[in-house]
Amino acid sequence: MNDPSSGRTIAAIATPPGRGGIGVIRVSGPKVRAIAESLLGAVPAPRVATLRTFLGADGEPIDTGLALFFRAPASFTGEDTLELHAHGGPTVLDLLLARTVELGASLAEPGEFSRRAFLNDKLDLAQAEAIADLIDAGSAEAARAALRSMRGEFSDLVRSLSEAVIETRMHVEAAIDFPEEEIDFLADSALQRRLENALALSTQIGAKARQGTLLREGMTVVIAGKPNAGKSSLLNKLAGYSAAIVTDIPGTTRDILRERIDIDGMPLHVLDTAGLREHADVVEAEGIRRARTAMLEADRILYVVDAAARRSEEELREELATLPNSVPVTIIVNKIDLIAGAPRDEQSEPPRLHLSAATGDGIDLLREHLKECMGFQGADAGTLSARRRHLDALARSHRHLEEAARLLTEHRAGELMAEELRQAQHALGEITGEFTSDDLLGRIFASFCIGK
């Protein structure tokens, strides 16, 4: 699996921008040895950190640091690779990078090193994506899940399901290829068991992937309601600090405030919005417009009402009718401390949580409610990192397996079953990159950071 662009030698700064003790330049491709000869005076021994002086075009030193050479194919990319560990000043790193370009390297595109590793069979596509997930991990749980996927645990599960599908497909195609045999392959109970086992494994992997996606992407919640209902207080209590200004003056929040909160490893993206009311000045009206836009993109709306205001159910229904129909709502009955109420989870439609954002009573109920809404069961030792495209591929594969089972039970339609199984196998191959379009590869690796 060789990419035509692999004839290029690429180079990039592999450490974050800014000043630091150490900065790393990474170079990969066929010109690495020649670049090392000119820049270092000689090619270092493979896999041995060597103290070298990095030379400019005029032979004058640019810096002194460590050089690491990885000989193909025993490198991350599968190509000859050179790493230069220099002092981490931006000027030094820019000079070193410019020198590698003078010597024949091209500036790497985002994710190009990882893409070459994938194309040279050093890792599959799910493992490559897990590298980016590990870099972007926002919690210890997410980092551990990404590491497991990077090591191939998710890919192994997908391949085991793919093997189960292939074995079932072989059984079906044997029935098609040898119709004159006395044995009815499609009536064989072993085929039914294979399909049932494949469906059970598909369900198991899908559940793991959904947990992994939640661990990676989390849930987006918009806090909405009338002015002074306690929306900003609720955000502050969830965040654990004063992220939003809280006053008794209506309309204090004019723009959207965004906070990322961790609930047992699940990221929660909370948006506090301007109070919803008809009469507002120009600035507040723009805040309300943005609030309604944010609600359309949320996973759930927390609609906050003041327990002490004692509005009628009809008034509340009228307010809820102004919210987007496509987004689920939880009613937060706030300020129960003012009416001597107790925190509780009311099983209604929509659900209601009675709490006090001022005292924190009932906040734990809200956290558990949000996890339950998303189906998040917590990060355990088997949680893996997964993406929405993986969920889509697994769902398509599962639907094809279910259709194959239906065709077997109702029609004994071997040719149609074989096609459904082929489609299921193809969908699973998209996860690891066995069947992947160049456009999809471009989108995936473009999201990586430069130097990785």
Protein backbone atom coordinates (compact mmCIF):
# COMPACT_ATOMS: atom_id res chain seq x y z
CA MET A 1 0.00 0.00 0.00
CA ASN A 2 2.30 2.73 -1.26
CA ASP A 3 1.29 6.33 -1.75
CA PRO A 4 2.66 8.09 -4.87
CA SER A 5 3.60 11.06 -2.68
CA SER A 6 5.94 8.85 -0.66
CA GLY A 7 8.75 9.85 -3.03
CA ARG A 8 8.81 13.16 -1.18
CA THR A 9 10.92 13.61 1.91
CA ILE A 10 8.93 15.52 4.49
CA ALA A 11 9.97 17.56 7.52
CA ALA A 12 8.14 19.34 10.32
CA ILE A 13 8.50 20.69 13.84
CA ALA A 14 6.98 17.93 15.97
CA THR A 15 6.72 19.87 19.23
CA PRO A 16 4.14 22.58 20.09
CA PRO A 17 4.78 26.21 19.09
CA GLY A 18 6.48 28.51 21.57
CA ARG A 19 9.56 28.42 23.75
CA GLY A 20 10.66 25.27 25.55
CA GLY A 21 13.67 23.37 26.79
CA ILE A 22 13.63 20.97 23.83
CA GLY A 23 12.18 21.15 20.34
CA VAL A 24 12.03 18.27 17.88
CA ILE A 25 12.36 18.32 14.10
CA ARG A 26 11.15 15.16 12.37
CA VAL A 27 12.26 14.19 8.84
CA SER A 28 11.05 11.14 6.89
CA GLY A 29 11.62 9.85 3.36
CA PRO A 30 14.25 8.74 0.85
CA LYS A 31 16.52 11.79 1.27
CA VAL A 32 16.97 11.39 5.02
CA ARG A 33 20.46 9.89 4.78
CA ALA A 34 21.69 12.64 2.45
CA ILE A 35 20.18 15.29 4.74
CA ALA A 36 21.88 13.70 7.75
CA GLU A 37 25.24 13.66 5.96
CA SER A 38 25.04 17.40 5.22
CA LEU A 39 23.42 18.51 8.45
CA LEU A 40 25.31 16.27 10.90
CA GLY A 41 28.44 15.28 9.00
CA ALA A 42 27.45 11.59 9.05
CA VAL A 43 24.43 9.34 9.40
CA PRO A 44 24.07 8.38 13.09
CA ALA A 45 23.94 4.74 14.15
CA PRO A 46 20.33 3.50 14.02
CA ARG A 47 18.25 3.90 17.18
CA VAL A 48 21.10 5.44 19.19
CA ALA A 49 20.78 8.97 20.55
CA THR A 50 23.93 10.78 19.42
CA LEU A 51 25.16 14.24 20.45
CA ARG A 52 25.79 16.21 17.26
CA THR A 53 26.30 19.75 16.01
CA PHE A 54 23.67 20.82 13.47
CA LEU A 55 25.41 22.62 10.61
CA GLY A 56 24.11 25.40 8.38
CA ALA A 57 24.81 25.78 4.65
CA ASP A 58 27.96 27.79 5.44
CA GLY A 59 29.27 25.10 7.78
CA GLU A 60 28.58 27.23 10.85
CA PRO A 61 26.70 25.60 13.77
CA ILE A 62 22.97 26.23 14.07
CA ASP A 63 22.69 24.36 17.38
CA THR A 64 23.95 21.33 19.26
CA GLY A 65 21.61 18.53 20.33
CA LEU A 66 20.67 14.90 19.98
CA ALA A 67 20.14 13.13 16.65
CA LEU A 68 18.16 9.90 16.30
CA PHE A 69 18.13 7.88 13.08
CA PHE A 70 15.56 5.13 12.43
CA ARG A 71 16.33 2.94 9.45
CA ALA A 72 13.46 1.75 7.25
CA PRO A 73 11.30 -0.19 7.80
CA ALA A 74 11.90 -0.08 11.59
CA SER A 75 10.48 3.40 12.06
CA PHE A 76 7.12 5.00 12.79
CA THR A 77 6.51 5.82 9.11
CA GLY A 78 8.19 2.72 7.71
CA GLU A 79 10.70 5.01 5.95
CA ASP A 80 14.15 6.27 6.93
CA THR A 81 13.43 8.81 9.66
CA LEU A 82 15.60 11.40 11.40
CA GLU A 83 14.75 13.24 14.59
CA LEU A 84 16.71 16.31 15.69
CA HIS A 85 16.33 17.22 19.37
CA ALA A 86 17.41 20.83 19.59
CA HIS A 87 16.92 23.67 22.05
CA GLY A 88 13.29 24.71 21.98
CA GLY A 89 13.50 28.33 20.86
CA PRO A 90 11.31 29.17 17.84
CA THR A 91 14.21 30.78 15.95
CA VAL A 92 16.47 27.73 16.33
CA LEU A 93 13.72 25.35 15.22
CA ASP A 94 12.82 27.54 12.24
CA LEU A 95 16.47 27.64 11.16
CA LEU A 96 16.78 23.86 11.42
CA LEU A 97 13.54 23.27 9.52
CA ALA A 98 14.62 25.70 6.80
CA ARG A 99 17.93 23.84 6.54
CA THR A 100 16.20 20.50 5.95
CA VAL A 101 14.12 22.15 3.21
CA GLU A 102 17.32 23.51 1.62
CA LEU A 103 18.63 19.94 1.58
CA GLY A 104 15.60 18.59 -0.29
CA ALA A 105 12.80 18.06 2.21
CA SER A 106 9.28 19.44 1.82
CA LEU A 107 7.16 20.83 4.62
CA ALA A 108 4.85 18.09 5.92
CA GLU A 109 1.10 18.45 5.76
CA PRO A 110 -1.05 17.86 8.87
CA GLY A 111 -1.01 14.17 9.75
CA GLU A 112 1.33 13.23 6.90
CA PHE A 113 3.70 11.21 9.08
CA SER A 114 0.80 9.14 10.45
CA ARG A 115 -0.67 8.78 6.97
CA ARG A 116 2.62 7.34 5.72
CA ALA A 117 2.66 4.94 8.66
CA PHE A 118 -0.81 3.77 7.61
CA LEU A 119 0.07 3.49 3.92
CA ASN A 120 3.24 1.54 4.75
CA ASP A 121 1.25 -0.93 6.90
CA LYS A 122 2.84 0.16 10.17
CA LEU A 123 -0.60 0.65 11.70
CA ASP A 124 -4.20 0.53 10.55
CA LEU A 125 -6.56 3.48 10.23
CA ALA A 126 -8.24 3.02 13.61
CA GLN A 127 -4.82 2.94 15.28
CA ALA A 128 -3.76 6.09 13.43
CA GLU A 129 -6.90 7.90 14.59
CA ALA A 130 -6.22 6.73 18.15
CA ILE A 131 -2.86 8.55 18.03
CA ALA A 132 -4.70 11.82 17.40
CA ASP A 133 -7.20 10.93 20.13
CA LEU A 134 -4.38 10.30 22.59
CA ILE A 135 -2.87 13.71 21.82
CA ASP A 136 -6.27 15.40 22.21
CA ALA A 137 -7.40 13.41 25.26
CA GLY A 138 -9.08 15.67 27.81
CA SER A 139 -9.04 13.22 30.72
CA ALA A 140 -6.98 10.34 32.10
CA GLU A 141 -9.78 7.93 31.14
CA ALA A 142 -9.84 9.17 27.55
CA ALA A 143 -6.05 8.89 27.33
CA ARG A 144 -6.09 5.28 28.56
CA ALA A 145 -8.86 4.38 26.11
CA ALA A 146 -6.95 5.98 23.22
CA LEU A 147 -3.78 4.11 24.20
CA ARG A 148 -5.64 0.79 24.12
CA SER A 149 -7.01 1.57 20.66
CA MET A 150 -3.58 2.74 19.49
CA ARG A 151 -2.16 -0.63 20.57
CA GLY A 152 -4.72 -2.35 18.36
CA GLU A 153 -7.36 -3.63 20.81
CA PHE A 154 -10.26 -1.98 18.95
CA SER A 155 -8.89 -3.13 15.58
CA ASP A 156 -8.56 -6.70 16.90
CA LEU A 157 -12.23 -6.71 17.91
CA VAL A 158 -13.28 -5.42 14.51
CA ARG A 159 -11.13 -8.02 12.75
CA SER A 160 -12.60 -10.82 14.87
CA LEU A 161 -16.07 -9.73 13.77
CA SER A 162 -14.90 -9.48 10.17
CA GLU A 163 -13.54 -13.04 10.38
CA ALA A 164 -16.90 -14.24 11.71
CA VAL A 165 -18.63 -12.56 8.77
CA ILE A 166 -16.16 -14.07 6.28
CA GLU A 167 -16.70 -17.58 7.65
CA THR A 168 -20.46 -17.15 7.39
CA ARG A 169 -20.13 -15.77 3.88
CA MET A 170 -17.99 -18.77 2.84
CA HIS A 171 -20.69 -21.12 4.15
CA VAL A 172 -23.39 -19.31 2.14
CA GLU A 173 -21.34 -19.16 -1.04
CA ALA A 174 -20.65 -22.89 -0.78
CA ALA A 175 -24.40 -23.42 -1.00
CA ILE A 176 -24.52 -21.21 -4.09
CA ASP A 177 -21.54 -22.85 -5.80
CA PHE A 178 -22.67 -26.44 -5.19
CA PRO A 179 -26.47 -26.45 -5.61
CA GLU A 180 -26.46 -30.05 -6.83
CA GLU A 181 -25.13 -31.40 -3.53
CA GLU A 182 -27.54 -33.42 -1.45
CA ILE A 183 -26.71 -31.38 1.65
CA ASP A 184 -28.75 -28.16 1.99
CA PHE A 185 -26.07 -25.81 3.27
CA LEU A 186 -28.62 -23.06 3.96
CA ALA A 187 -30.66 -25.39 6.19
CA ASP A 188 -27.58 -26.27 8.23
CA SER A 189 -28.01 -25.20 11.87
CA ALA A 190 -24.30 -24.27 11.93
CA LEU A 191 -25.03 -21.39 9.56
CA GLN A 192 -27.75 -20.07 11.84
CA ARG A 193 -25.35 -20.26 14.80
CA ARG A 194 -22.65 -18.42 12.86
CA LEU A 195 -25.05 -15.60 12.07
CA GLU A 196 -26.25 -15.42 15.67
CA ASN A 197 -22.68 -15.34 16.97
CA ALA A 198 -21.73 -12.61 14.49
CA LEU A 199 -24.75 -10.52 15.52
CA ALA A 200 -23.94 -10.99 19.22
CA LEU A 201 -20.32 -9.96 18.67
CA SER A 202 -21.47 -6.98 16.60
CA THR A 203 -23.74 -5.84 19.44
CA GLN A 204 -20.91 -6.19 21.95
CA ILE A 205 -18.42 -4.21 19.85
CA GLY A 206 -21.03 -1.55 19.08
CA ALA A 207 -21.65 -1.02 22.79
CA LYS A 208 -17.91 -0.66 23.47
CA ALA A 209 -17.55 1.78 20.57
CA ARG A 210 -20.46 3.92 21.80
CA GLN A 211 -18.83 4.22 25.23
CA GLY A 212 -15.55 5.12 23.55
CA THR A 213 -17.20 7.80 21.45
CA LEU A 214 -18.85 9.31 24.52
CA LEU A 215 -15.50 9.27 26.32
CA ARG A 216 -13.93 11.11 23.41
CA GLU A 217 -16.66 13.53 22.34
CA GLY A 218 -18.96 13.72 25.35
CA MET A 219 -22.25 15.57 25.50
CA THR A 220 -23.22 19.13 24.66
CA VAL A 221 -25.77 20.69 27.01
CA VAL A 222 -27.38 24.12 26.70
CA ILE A 223 -28.69 25.78 29.85
CA ALA A 224 -31.73 27.88 28.96
CA GLY A 225 -34.60 29.59 30.73
CA LYS A 226 -36.06 32.92 31.75
CA PRO A 227 -33.81 35.66 33.20
CA ASN A 228 -32.85 35.15 36.87
CA ALA A 229 -33.90 31.49 36.90
CA GLY A 230 -30.42 30.55 38.10
CA LYS A 231 -28.81 29.41 34.85
CA SER A 232 -25.39 30.91 35.55
CA SER A 233 -25.45 29.57 39.12
CA LEU A 234 -26.10 26.11 37.71
CA LEU A 235 -23.14 26.45 35.34
CA ASN A 236 -20.91 27.56 38.22
CA LYS A 237 -21.96 24.66 40.42
CA LEU A 238 -21.33 22.12 37.63
CA ALA A 239 -17.98 23.71 36.81
CA GLY A 240 -16.91 23.91 40.44
CA TYR A 241 -15.91 27.57 40.25
CA SER A 242 -17.36 30.98 39.30
CA ALA A 243 -17.24 30.71 35.52
CA ALA A 244 -20.21 33.05 35.02
CA ILE A 245 -21.18 36.34 36.66
CA VAL A 246 -24.19 35.94 38.95
CA THR A 247 -26.33 38.96 39.95
CA ASP A 248 -29.97 39.73 40.71
CA ILE A 249 -30.13 41.96 37.64
CA PRO A 250 -32.03 40.29 34.77
CA GLY A 251 -30.08 39.92 31.54
CA THR A 252 -26.60 39.69 33.09
CA THR A 253 -25.57 36.99 30.60
CA ARG A 254 -25.51 38.51 27.12
CA ASP A 255 -23.37 36.05 25.16
CA ILE A 256 -22.86 32.29 25.32
CA LEU A 257 -20.47 31.05 28.01
CA ARG A 258 -18.83 27.70 27.30
CA GLU A 259 -17.29 25.37 29.89
CA ARG A 260 -15.87 21.87 29.54
CA ILE A 261 -16.65 19.71 32.57
CA ASP A 262 -15.66 16.13 33.32
CA ILE A 263 -18.28 13.69 34.67
CA ASP A 264 -16.59 10.39 35.58
CA GLY A 265 -14.46 10.67 32.46
CA MET A 266 -17.24 11.79 30.09
CA PRO A 267 -16.66 15.30 28.71
CA LEU A 268 -19.62 17.59 29.24
CA HIS A 269 -19.69 20.73 27.12
CA VAL A 270 -21.98 23.17 28.93
CA LEU A 271 -23.28 26.37 27.32
CA ASP A 272 -24.85 29.04 29.50
CA THR A 273 -27.12 31.31 27.47
CA ALA A 274 -28.91 34.62 27.71
CA GLY A 275 -32.28 34.59 29.48
CA LEU A 276 -35.20 34.07 27.10
CA ARG A 277 -37.65 36.98 27.13
CA GLU A 278 -39.53 39.07 24.60
CA HIS A 279 -38.50 42.58 25.61
CA ALA A 280 -34.73 43.01 25.41
CA ASP A 281 -32.27 45.61 24.19
CA VAL A 282 -30.28 45.12 20.98
CA VAL A 283 -27.32 43.39 22.63
CA GLU A 284 -29.45 41.07 24.75
CA ALA A 285 -31.63 40.24 21.74
CA GLU A 286 -28.54 39.09 19.85
CA GLY A 287 -27.61 36.93 22.85
CA ILE A 288 -31.08 35.35 22.77
CA ARG A 289 -30.74 34.66 19.04
CA ARG A 290 -27.41 32.93 19.66
CA ALA A 291 -28.97 30.96 22.51
CA ARG A 292 -31.65 29.58 20.19
CA THR A 293 -29.02 28.67 17.60
CA ALA A 294 -26.97 26.83 20.23
CA MET A 295 -30.04 24.88 21.35
CA LEU A 296 -30.50 23.49 17.84
CA GLU A 297 -27.01 21.95 17.98
CA ALA A 298 -27.21 20.56 21.52
CA ASP A 299 -27.61 16.96 22.70
CA ARG A 300 -29.93 18.15 25.48
CA ILE A 301 -31.45 21.36 26.81
CA LEU A 302 -31.56 22.00 30.56
CA TYR A 303 -34.52 24.36 30.92
CA VAL A 304 -34.22 26.12 34.27
CA VAL A 305 -37.30 27.38 36.09
CA ASP A 306 -37.51 29.23 39.42
CA ALA A 307 -39.27 27.04 41.99
CA ALA A 308 -40.18 30.14 44.00
CA ALA A 309 -41.87 31.87 41.05
CA ARG A 310 -44.79 29.40 41.16
CA ARG A 311 -45.75 29.60 37.51
CA SER A 312 -48.63 27.48 36.25
CA GLU A 313 -48.16 24.30 34.25
CA GLU A 314 -49.82 25.99 31.30
CA GLU A 315 -47.24 28.79 31.35
CA LEU A 316 -44.45 26.24 31.50
CA ARG A 317 -45.89 24.30 28.54
CA GLU A 318 -46.04 27.52 26.54
CA GLU A 319 -42.36 28.21 27.29
CA LEU A 320 -41.32 24.67 26.36
CA ALA A 321 -43.24 24.98 23.08
CA THR A 322 -40.77 27.68 21.99
CA LEU A 323 -37.81 25.25 22.26
CA PRO A 324 -36.60 23.10 19.33
CA ASN A 325 -38.73 19.96 18.94
CA SER A 326 -35.73 17.90 17.81
CA VAL A 327 -33.71 18.34 21.02
CA PRO A 328 -34.64 16.50 24.25
CA VAL A 329 -35.33 18.68 27.28
CA THR A 330 -34.86 18.23 31.01
CA ILE A 331 -36.67 20.70 33.26
CA ILE A 332 -34.50 21.93 36.12
CA VAL A 333 -36.68 23.15 38.98
CA ASN A 334 -34.13 25.41 40.69
CA LYS A 335 -34.02 27.32 43.98
CA ILE A 336 -35.72 24.60 46.03
CA ASP A 337 -33.85 26.01 49.04
CA LEU A 338 -36.21 29.02 48.94
CA ILE A 339 -39.31 26.82 49.34
CA ALA A 340 -37.81 24.25 51.76
CA GLY A 341 -37.99 21.61 49.04
CA ALA A 342 -35.95 18.42 48.78
CA PRO A 343 -33.86 17.38 45.76
CA ARG A 344 -35.52 14.70 43.67
CA ASP A 345 -35.65 13.19 40.20
CA GLU A 346 -39.21 13.33 38.95
CA GLN A 347 -39.98 10.68 36.32
CA SER A 348 -42.20 12.71 34.01
CA GLU A 349 -42.24 13.75 30.38
CA PRO A 350 -40.11 15.73 29.99
CA PRO A 351 -38.11 14.64 33.08
CA ARG A 352 -37.78 17.10 35.97
CA LEU A 353 -34.97 17.49 38.47
CA HIS A 354 -35.57 19.50 41.64
CA LEU A 355 -32.35 21.04 42.96
CA SER A 356 -30.63 24.11 44.30
CA ALA A 357 -27.79 25.55 42.26
CA ALA A 358 -26.99 27.88 45.17
CA THR A 359 -26.45 25.15 47.77
CA GLY A 360 -25.52 22.27 45.44
CA ASP A 361 -28.34 20.02 46.71
CA GLY A 362 -29.38 17.75 43.83
CA ILE A 363 -26.37 18.44 41.60
CA ASP A 364 -25.29 14.79 41.91
CA LEU A 365 -28.74 13.77 40.65
CA LEU A 366 -28.18 15.99 37.62
CA ARG A 367 -24.78 14.46 36.88
CA GLU A 368 -26.22 10.93 37.02
CA HIS A 369 -29.16 12.03 34.89
CA LEU A 370 -26.88 13.41 32.16
CA LYS A 371 -24.83 10.20 32.06
CA GLU A 372 -28.02 8.15 31.84
CA CYS A 373 -29.36 10.32 29.01
CA MET A 374 -26.26 9.57 26.92
CA GLY A 375 -26.03 5.93 27.96
CA PHE A 376 -22.61 6.48 29.50
CA GLN A 377 -21.69 3.69 31.88
CA GLY A 378 -18.29 4.99 32.96
CA ALA A 379 -14.76 4.27 31.83
CA ASP A 380 -13.48 0.81 32.77
CA ALA A 381 -10.44 -1.27 31.94
CA GLY A 382 -11.96 -2.33 28.62
CA THR A 383 -13.06 1.07 27.31
CA LEU A 384 -11.66 1.88 23.87
CA SER A 385 -11.39 5.09 21.90
CA ALA A 386 -13.81 5.30 18.96
CA ARG A 387 -15.19 7.91 16.61
CA ARG A 388 -18.59 8.61 15.10
CA ARG A 389 -17.50 7.21 11.73
CA HIS A 390 -16.70 3.94 13.50
CA LEU A 391 -20.21 3.88 15.00
CA ASP A 392 -21.69 4.51 11.57
CA ALA A 393 -19.69 1.67 9.99
CA LEU A 394 -20.58 -0.73 12.83
CA ALA A 395 -24.27 0.20 12.57
CA ARG A 396 -24.30 -0.41 8.80
CA SER A 397 -22.54 -3.73 9.26
CA HIS A 398 -25.06 -4.77 11.92
CA ARG A 399 -28.01 -3.87 9.68
CA HIS A 400 -26.56 -6.01 6.86
CA LEU A 401 -26.11 -8.93 9.26
CA GLU A 402 -29.70 -8.59 10.48
CA GLU A 403 -30.94 -8.55 6.89
CA ALA A 404 -28.86 -11.64 6.10
CA ALA A 405 -30.45 -13.43 9.07
CA ARG A 406 -33.92 -12.42 7.88
CA LEU A 407 -33.22 -13.65 4.35
CA LEU A 408 -32.03 -16.97 5.75
CA THR A 409 -35.06 -17.44 8.01
CA GLU A 410 -37.76 -16.29 5.63
CA HIS A 411 -36.50 -17.06 2.12
CA ARG A 412 -33.36 -19.23 2.14
CA ALA A 413 -32.09 -16.66 -0.41
CA GLY A 414 -28.40 -17.54 -0.69
CA GLU A 415 -27.39 -14.97 -3.31
CA LEU A 416 -29.04 -12.11 -1.45
CA MET A 417 -27.52 -13.28 1.85
CA ALA A 418 -24.06 -13.39 0.31
CA GLU A 419 -24.45 -9.79 -0.87
CA GLU A 420 -25.57 -8.60 2.58
CA LEU A 421 -22.60 -10.35 4.17
CA ARG A 422 -20.26 -8.78 1.61
CA GLN A 423 -21.65 -5.35 2.47
CA ALA A 424 -21.19 -6.05 6.18
CA GLN A 425 -17.57 -7.04 5.59
CA HIS A 426 -17.00 -3.91 3.50
CA ALA A 427 -18.38 -1.65 6.25
CA LEU A 428 -16.06 -3.24 8.84
CA GLY A 429 -13.11 -2.79 6.47
CA GLU A 430 -13.76 0.96 6.44
CA ILE A 431 -12.89 1.12 10.16
CA THR A 432 -9.40 -0.31 9.83
CA GLY A 433 -8.80 1.14 6.35
CA GLU A 434 -9.02 -2.03 4.29
CA PHE A 435 -11.66 -0.31 2.17
CA THR A 436 -11.09 3.45 2.31
CA SER A 437 -11.43 6.22 -0.26
CA ASP A 438 -8.66 8.78 -0.72
CA ASP A 439 -11.16 11.53 0.14
CA LEU A 440 -11.87 9.95 3.52
CA LEU A 441 -8.16 9.55 4.22
CA GLY A 442 -7.62 13.19 3.39
CA ARG A 443 -10.33 14.32 5.80
CA ILE A 444 -9.11 12.07 8.60
CA PHE A 445 -5.42 12.97 8.48
CA ALA A 446 -6.07 16.66 7.82
CA SER A 447 -7.45 16.83 11.37
CA PHE A 448 -4.08 15.73 12.84
CA CYS A 449 -1.48 18.21 14.04
CA ILE A 450 1.55 19.00 11.88
CA GLY A 451 4.51 16.82 12.80
CA LYS A 452 2.26 13.84 13.55
